[in-house]
Protein backbone atom coordinates (compact mmCIF):
# COMPACT_ATOMS: atom_id res chain seq x y z
CA MET A 1 0.05 0.20 -0.06
CA ARG A 2 2.96 2.34 0.48
CA ILE A 3 3.77 1.84 -3.19
CA ALA A 4 0.17 2.67 -4.25
CA ALA A 5 0.21 5.77 -2.09
CA LEU A 6 3.75 6.80 -3.53
CA ILE A 7 2.32 6.33 -7.24
CA CYS A 8 -0.67 8.65 -6.34
CA THR A 9 1.88 11.22 -4.96
CA ILE A 10 3.86 11.08 -8.14
CA ILE A 11 0.70 11.49 -10.38
CA ALA A 12 -0.93 14.25 -8.15
CA PRO A 13 1.36 15.94 -5.53
CA GLN A 14 -1.68 17.58 -4.00
CA GLN A 15 -2.16 14.32 -2.16
CA SER A 16 0.04 15.81 0.56
CA GLU A 17 -3.05 17.79 1.83
CA ALA A 18 -3.42 17.78 5.62
CA ARG A 19 -6.04 14.90 5.48
CA PRO A 20 -7.08 12.90 8.53
CA ILE A 21 -6.29 9.57 6.99
CA SER A 22 -2.87 8.62 5.59
CA PHE A 23 -1.66 5.37 3.78
CA PRO A 24 -2.13 2.09 5.88
CA GLY A 25 0.76 1.92 8.60
CA GLY A 26 1.27 5.80 8.32
CA VAL A 27 1.71 7.98 11.28
CA THR A 28 0.84 11.63 11.09
CA PRO A 29 1.56 14.29 13.76
CA MET A 30 -0.11 17.67 13.15
CA LEU A 31 0.57 21.04 15.14
CA ARG A 32 -1.90 23.88 14.83
CA HIS A 33 -1.74 27.39 16.13
CA ASN A 34 -4.54 30.02 15.51
CA TRP A 35 -6.51 32.78 17.14
CA GLU A 36 -8.44 30.22 19.25
CA MET A 37 -6.20 27.36 20.27
CA ASN A 38 -2.97 25.54 20.30
CA ARG A 39 -3.57 21.87 19.18
CA LEU A 40 -1.19 18.76 18.88
CA HIS A 41 -2.83 15.78 17.16
CA LEU A 42 -1.31 12.54 16.39
CA HIS A 43 -2.90 9.72 14.34
CA TYR A 44 -2.20 6.15 13.01
CA THR A 45 -3.74 4.71 10.02
CA PRO A 46 -4.42 0.99 10.23
CA HIS A 47 -6.51 0.84 7.19
CA ARG A 48 -7.13 2.91 4.07
CA LEU A 49 -10.47 3.83 5.45
CA HIS A 50 -9.81 4.54 9.04
CA SER A 51 -7.49 6.30 11.38
CA LEU A 52 -7.36 6.48 15.16
CA GLY A 53 -5.78 9.39 17.11
CA VAL A 54 -5.24 11.43 20.17
CA ALA A 55 -5.43 15.27 20.36
CA VAL A 56 -4.70 17.77 22.93
CA GLU A 57 -5.83 21.27 22.87
CA GLU A 58 -5.31 24.53 24.74
CA ILE A 59 -8.26 26.97 24.34
CA ARG A 60 -6.45 30.20 25.42
CA ALA A 61 -9.29 32.75 25.97
CA ARG A 62 -11.06 30.20 28.34
CA ASP A 63 -8.09 28.76 30.06
CA GLN A 64 -9.49 25.55 28.73
CA THR A 65 -7.76 22.15 27.98
CA ASN A 66 -9.27 19.30 25.99
CA LEU A 67 -7.93 15.94 25.57
CA PHE A 68 -9.69 13.85 22.83
CA PHE A 69 -9.41 10.26 21.51
CA GLN A 70 -10.40 10.38 17.68
CA TRP A 71 -11.79 8.05 15.14
CA ASN A 72 -11.59 9.19 11.40
CA ARG A 73 -13.63 7.45 8.50
CA LEU A 74 -13.15 7.97 4.84
CA LEU A 75 -16.93 8.10 3.63
CA LEU A 76 -16.18 8.54 -0.09
CA ARG A 77 -13.47 8.88 -2.57
CA ARG A 78 -13.73 9.68 -6.35
CA ASN A 79 -10.65 9.46 -8.30
CA ARG A 80 -10.76 11.14 -11.72
CA GLU A 81 -7.97 11.31 -14.33
CA ARG A 82 -7.06 14.90 -13.20
CA SER A 83 -8.91 15.29 -9.81
CA GLN A 84 -9.79 13.70 -6.58
CA LEU A 85 -12.92 14.20 -4.23
CA ASN A 86 -12.89 13.14 -0.54
CA ILE A 87 -15.34 13.19 2.20
CA TYR A 88 -14.46 12.31 5.91
CA SER A 89 -16.18 12.06 9.18
CA MET A 90 -14.23 12.73 12.55
CA LEU A 91 -15.52 11.66 15.80
CA GLU A 92 -13.78 12.89 19.05
CA SER A 93 -14.61 11.73 22.68
CA GLY A 94 -12.74 12.89 25.70
CA VAL A 95 -12.72 15.26 28.61
CA THR A 96 -12.53 19.04 28.88
CA ARG A 97 -10.95 20.90 31.87
CA VAL A 98 -11.71 24.50 32.85
CA LYS A 99 -9.81 25.61 35.99
CA ASP A 100 -10.27 22.65 38.47
CA GLU A 101 -13.43 21.18 36.89
CA VAL A 102 -13.42 18.39 34.42
CA GLU A 103 -16.33 17.35 32.17
CA PRO A 104 -16.96 14.81 29.38
CA ALA A 105 -16.65 16.26 25.91
CA LEU A 106 -17.94 15.13 22.44
CA GLY A 107 -17.00 16.55 18.98
CA LEU A 108 -18.21 15.49 15.39
CA THR A 109 -16.78 17.11 12.29
CA PHE A 110 -17.53 16.42 8.49
CA ALA A 111 -14.99 17.54 5.90
CA GLY A 112 -14.64 17.35 2.32
CA ASP A 113 -12.10 18.40 -0.40
CA TRP A 114 -11.81 18.54 -4.26
CA GLU A 115 -8.30 19.07 -5.87
CA THR A 116 -6.49 19.14 -9.22
CA ARG A 117 -2.92 19.83 -9.36
CA ARG A 118 -3.91 23.40 -9.99
CA TYR A 119 -7.01 24.16 -7.89
CA LEU A 120 -8.61 23.05 -4.77
CA ALA A 121 -11.75 23.64 -2.64
CA ALA A 122 -12.22 22.38 0.94
CA TYR A 123 -14.99 22.62 3.47
CA SER A 124 -15.66 21.42 7.06
CA VAL A 125 -18.43 21.67 9.42
CA GLY A 126 -18.16 20.74 13.16
CA PHE A 127 -20.21 20.52 16.43
CA GLU A 128 -18.86 20.12 20.01
CA HIS A 129 -20.60 19.45 23.29
CA ALA A 130 -18.74 19.74 26.69
CA ALA A 131 -21.42 19.21 29.51
CA GLU A 132 -21.54 22.18 31.88
CA PHE A 133 -18.97 24.15 29.70
CA ASP A 134 -20.40 24.05 26.19
CA ASN A 135 -24.12 23.23 25.42
CA GLY A 136 -23.37 22.85 21.78
CA SER A 137 -21.20 24.98 19.53
CA PHE A 138 -20.84 25.03 15.79
CA HIS A 139 -18.08 26.08 13.43
CA GLN A 140 -17.38 25.85 9.87
CA THR A 141 -14.37 26.64 7.51
CA ALA A 142 -14.11 26.90 3.84
CA ARG A 143 -11.05 27.33 1.57
CA LEU A 144 -10.17 27.90 -2.05
CA GLY A 145 -6.74 27.53 -3.35
CA PHE A 146 -4.69 28.05 -6.43
CA ALA A 147 -1.03 26.57 -7.26
CA PRO A 148 0.78 29.24 -9.08
CA TYR A 149 3.22 26.78 -10.53
CA LEU A 150 3.13 22.85 -11.02
CA GLY A 151 6.16 21.38 -9.48
CA ASN A 152 7.72 18.04 -10.23
CA TYR A 153 7.67 15.24 -8.01
CA GLY A 154 10.05 15.72 -5.09
CA SER A 155 10.23 19.52 -5.60
CA LEU A 156 8.72 22.20 -3.20
CA HIS A 157 5.06 22.70 -4.01
CA SER A 158 3.19 25.86 -3.11
CA TRP A 159 -0.42 26.93 -2.87
CA LEU A 160 -2.28 30.47 -2.49
CA MET A 161 -5.51 30.09 -0.45
CA ILE A 162 -8.16 32.13 0.90
CA GLN A 163 -9.74 30.77 4.10
CA LEU A 164 -13.12 31.76 5.54
CA GLU A 165 -14.12 30.68 9.27
CA HIS A 166 -17.60 31.03 10.86
CA HIS A 167 -18.07 30.69 14.55
CA PRO A 168 -21.55 31.95 15.61
CA GLU A 169 -20.81 31.90 19.29
CA GLU A 170 -17.71 34.18 19.00
CA GLU A 171 -17.71 37.93 19.33
CA GLU A 172 -15.80 37.95 16.10
CA SER A 173 -17.94 35.31 14.18
CA THR A 174 -16.46 35.52 10.84
CA ARG A 175 -12.77 35.46 9.94
CA VAL A 176 -11.24 35.55 6.62
CA GLY A 177 -7.72 35.78 5.12
CA PRO A 178 -5.00 34.53 3.06
CA VAL A 179 -3.00 31.26 3.74
CA LEU A 180 0.13 30.08 2.14
CA ARG A 181 0.86 26.44 2.02
CA PHE A 182 4.31 24.81 1.22
CA PHE A 183 5.08 21.09 1.13
CA LYS A 184 8.01 18.81 0.07
CA SER A 185 8.21 15.14 0.70
CA GLU A 186 6.45 14.32 4.07
CA TYR A 187 6.55 17.94 5.32
CA LEU A 188 3.74 20.45 4.93
CA ILE A 189 3.65 23.86 6.50
CA GLU A 190 0.84 26.74 6.35
CA LEU A 191 1.14 30.17 7.25
CA GLY A 192 -1.76 32.74 7.31
CA VAL A 193 -3.47 35.72 8.81
CA ASP A 194 -7.02 36.81 9.23
CA ASN A 195 -8.91 40.07 9.14
CA GLN A 196 -8.41 40.46 12.91
CA LYS A 197 -4.57 40.26 12.25
CA ASP A 198 -4.44 36.91 14.03
CA LEU A 199 -1.79 34.36 12.81
CA ASN A 200 -2.51 30.95 11.64
CA PHE A 201 0.18 28.17 11.55
CA ASN A 202 0.00 24.44 10.68
CA LEU A 203 2.65 21.81 10.50
CA VAL A 204 1.94 18.21 9.21
CA VAL A 205 4.55 15.60 8.98
CA ARG A 206 3.67 12.05 7.46
CA TYR A 207 5.66 8.95 8.23
């Protein structure tokens, strides 16, 4: 299966997208920093349709810490000669801690992406519930992207993207801004800024 994954990468380098499922046997650490949280996520892919992971989040504004165990499922994949479509579900279950109180927490996210070597579109919608701390929150993110050049296999690949976030419960409910993505081999880095001048940073490594 590693060979199959390598062939897909040669044909379509956009496969290095920060997706929640890797090739069977793959291990993927992810680091995220944005206006809301710091998040460290590690997942293992035992099967091409599933991955299992653990995530730790620090929600800075609420002095809140979340610990989640995660199950990711590939619901749909459509490969075409020049494009690929993916739809995923991500179920999280764990605990959240605010000051000295600890409560159970659940999260469910659905995400999809469509890509060619030149263009991409992605969307995710998620719901969270944390007993006494969160009676049910909602968030969604959309992206449109463009590759300014088509790199060869093994070279540095770059994307220019625009990202839109919607968080109805927040004072600043809508955030929009540019994101730059760079990836080479197993490394992917994203750098961005939103309309509130908050920075976004993502790092993904696939083994």
